[in-house]
Amino acid sequence: MSSYVFLCEDCHKEFTVSLHMSQLKDSAPACPHCGGKRVIQALAAFSAVTSKKSG
């Protein structure tokens, strides 16, 4: 599962949802703040944490 950031066009709040890629293609989730259906996927920063040390 991956985390996706969405922006609600109705209340202008961001929220994060964990979804499988197949679920993301089906439809966007409703806003948990206002229940709005007009949501767009926002750009999010990505970082990975590993146990290997570089060097």
N, C-alpha and C. Protein backbone atom coordinates (compact mmCIF):
# COMPACT_ATOMS: atom_id res chain seq x y z
N MET A 1 0.83 -1.18 0.00
CA MET A 1 0.00 0.00 0.00
C MET A 1 0.87 1.24 0.00
N SER A 2 0.41 2.24 -0.68
CA SER A 2 1.12 3.51 -0.74
C SER A 2 0.24 4.61 -0.15
N SER A 3 0.88 5.65 0.33
CA SER A 3 0.16 6.81 0.85
C SER A 3 0.07 7.87 -0.22
N TYR A 4 -1.11 8.42 -0.40
CA TYR A 4 -1.35 9.46 -1.40
C TYR A 4 -1.93 10.69 -0.70
N VAL A 5 -1.52 11.86 -1.16
CA VAL A 5 -2.01 13.12 -0.62
C VAL A 5 -3.03 13.69 -1.60
N PHE A 6 -4.17 14.09 -1.05
CA PHE A 6 -5.23 14.68 -1.86
C PHE A 6 -5.56 16.06 -1.32
N LEU A 7 -6.09 16.91 -2.19
CA LEU A 7 -6.55 18.24 -1.83
C LEU A 7 -8.02 18.35 -2.19
N CYS A 8 -8.83 18.73 -1.22
CA CYS A 8 -10.27 18.90 -1.45
C CYS A 8 -10.50 20.28 -2.06
N GLU A 9 -11.19 20.31 -3.18
CA GLU A 9 -11.48 21.59 -3.85
C GLU A 9 -12.65 22.31 -3.19
N ASP A 10 -13.39 21.63 -2.31
CA ASP A 10 -14.51 22.26 -1.63
C ASP A 10 -14.06 22.99 -0.36
N CYS A 11 -13.30 22.30 0.52
CA CYS A 11 -12.89 22.94 1.78
C CYS A 11 -11.41 23.33 1.79
N HIS A 12 -10.68 23.00 0.71
CA HIS A 12 -9.26 23.38 0.53
C HIS A 12 -8.34 22.79 1.59
N LYS A 13 -8.68 21.61 2.12
CA LYS A 13 -7.82 20.94 3.10
C LYS A 13 -7.15 19.74 2.45
N GLU A 14 -5.91 19.46 2.88
CA GLU A 14 -5.19 18.29 2.41
C GLU A 14 -5.44 17.13 3.35
N PHE A 15 -5.42 15.92 2.78
CA PHE A 15 -5.52 14.72 3.60
C PHE A 15 -4.75 13.60 2.93
N THR A 16 -4.33 12.62 3.72
CA THR A 16 -3.54 11.50 3.23
C THR A 16 -4.34 10.22 3.37
N VAL A 17 -4.28 9.38 2.33
CA VAL A 17 -4.99 8.11 2.32
C VAL A 17 -4.02 7.02 1.87
N SER A 18 -4.09 5.86 2.52
CA SER A 18 -3.29 4.70 2.10
C SER A 18 -4.15 3.84 1.18
N LEU A 19 -3.69 3.65 -0.05
CA LEU A 19 -4.44 2.89 -1.05
C LEU A 19 -3.53 1.99 -1.86
N HIS A 20 -4.10 0.94 -2.43
CA HIS A 20 -3.40 0.16 -3.43
C HIS A 20 -3.50 0.92 -4.74
N MET A 21 -2.56 0.72 -5.65
CA MET A 21 -2.59 1.43 -6.93
C MET A 21 -3.89 1.16 -7.69
N SER A 22 -4.42 -0.06 -7.60
CA SER A 22 -5.66 -0.39 -8.31
C SER A 22 -6.84 0.41 -7.76
N GLN A 23 -6.84 0.69 -6.45
CA GLN A 23 -7.91 1.49 -5.86
C GLN A 23 -7.81 2.94 -6.31
N LEU A 24 -6.60 3.43 -6.51
CA LEU A 24 -6.39 4.81 -6.92
C LEU A 24 -6.96 5.04 -8.32
N LYS A 25 -6.81 4.05 -9.21
CA LYS A 25 -7.31 4.19 -10.57
C LYS A 25 -8.84 4.17 -10.62
N ASP A 26 -9.50 3.48 -9.68
CA ASP A 26 -10.95 3.35 -9.70
C ASP A 26 -11.65 4.67 -9.43
N SER A 27 -11.32 5.33 -8.33
CA SER A 27 -11.92 6.62 -8.01
C SER A 27 -11.17 7.26 -6.86
N ALA A 28 -11.29 8.57 -6.78
CA ALA A 28 -10.65 9.31 -5.70
C ALA A 28 -11.51 9.19 -4.45
N PRO A 29 -10.90 9.20 -3.27
CA PRO A 29 -11.67 9.10 -2.03
C PRO A 29 -12.41 10.40 -1.72
N ALA A 30 -13.41 10.30 -0.87
CA ALA A 30 -14.13 11.49 -0.40
C ALA A 30 -13.30 12.18 0.68
N CYS A 31 -13.46 13.47 0.79
CA CYS A 31 -12.74 14.25 1.80
C CYS A 31 -13.23 13.87 3.20
N PRO A 32 -12.32 13.52 4.11
CA PRO A 32 -12.75 13.17 5.46
C PRO A 32 -13.18 14.38 6.29
N HIS A 33 -12.85 15.59 5.84
CA HIS A 33 -13.20 16.80 6.59
C HIS A 33 -14.62 17.27 6.29
N CYS A 34 -14.99 17.29 4.99
CA CYS A 34 -16.30 17.82 4.62
C CYS A 34 -17.16 16.83 3.84
N GLY A 35 -16.57 15.69 3.45
CA GLY A 35 -17.32 14.70 2.68
C GLY A 35 -17.38 15.01 1.19
N GLY A 36 -16.68 16.06 0.77
CA GLY A 36 -16.70 16.47 -0.63
C GLY A 36 -16.10 15.42 -1.56
N LYS A 37 -16.61 15.38 -2.78
CA LYS A 37 -16.13 14.42 -3.78
C LYS A 37 -15.19 15.07 -4.79
N ARG A 38 -15.05 16.40 -4.72
CA ARG A 38 -14.16 17.10 -5.66
C ARG A 38 -12.76 17.17 -5.07
N VAL A 39 -12.03 16.06 -5.20
CA VAL A 39 -10.67 16.00 -4.67
C VAL A 39 -9.69 15.74 -5.81
N ILE A 40 -8.51 16.31 -5.69
CA ILE A 40 -7.46 16.09 -6.67
C ILE A 40 -6.22 15.59 -5.94
N GLN A 41 -5.45 14.78 -6.65
CA GLN A 41 -4.22 14.26 -6.05
C GLN A 41 -3.19 15.37 -6.03
N ALA A 42 -2.61 15.61 -4.87
CA ALA A 42 -1.60 16.65 -4.70
C ALA A 42 -0.21 16.04 -4.83
N LEU A 43 0.76 16.88 -5.13
CA LEU A 43 2.14 16.42 -5.17
C LEU A 43 2.65 16.28 -3.75
N ALA A 44 3.40 15.22 -3.52
CA ALA A 44 3.93 14.97 -2.18
C ALA A 44 5.40 14.63 -2.28
N ALA A 45 6.14 15.03 -1.27
CA ALA A 45 7.56 14.68 -1.21
C ALA A 45 7.68 13.21 -0.82
N PHE A 46 8.73 12.58 -1.29
CA PHE A 46 8.96 11.17 -0.99
C PHE A 46 10.33 11.02 -0.38
N SER A 47 10.43 10.23 0.66
CA SER A 47 11.74 9.91 1.21
C SER A 47 11.71 8.46 1.65
N ALA A 48 12.84 7.82 1.51
CA ALA A 48 12.96 6.43 1.91
C ALA A 48 14.00 6.31 3.02
N VAL A 49 13.70 5.49 3.97
CA VAL A 49 14.63 5.26 5.07
C VAL A 49 15.16 3.84 4.92
N THR A 50 16.48 3.72 4.88
CA THR A 50 17.10 2.41 4.75
C THR A 50 18.06 2.18 5.90
N SER A 51 18.44 0.95 6.09
CA SER A 51 19.37 0.63 7.17
C SER A 51 20.82 0.65 6.69
N LYS A 52 21.02 0.73 5.38
CA LYS A 52 22.39 0.77 4.85
C LYS A 52 23.00 2.15 5.02
N LYS A 53 24.27 2.17 5.35
CA LYS A 53 24.98 3.44 5.42
C LYS A 53 25.73 3.64 4.12
N SER A 54 25.68 4.85 3.60
CA SER A 54 26.42 5.14 2.37
C SER A 54 27.89 5.38 2.71
N GLY A 55 28.72 5.04 1.76
CA GLY A 55 30.10 5.34 2.06
C GLY A 55 30.98 4.37 1.51
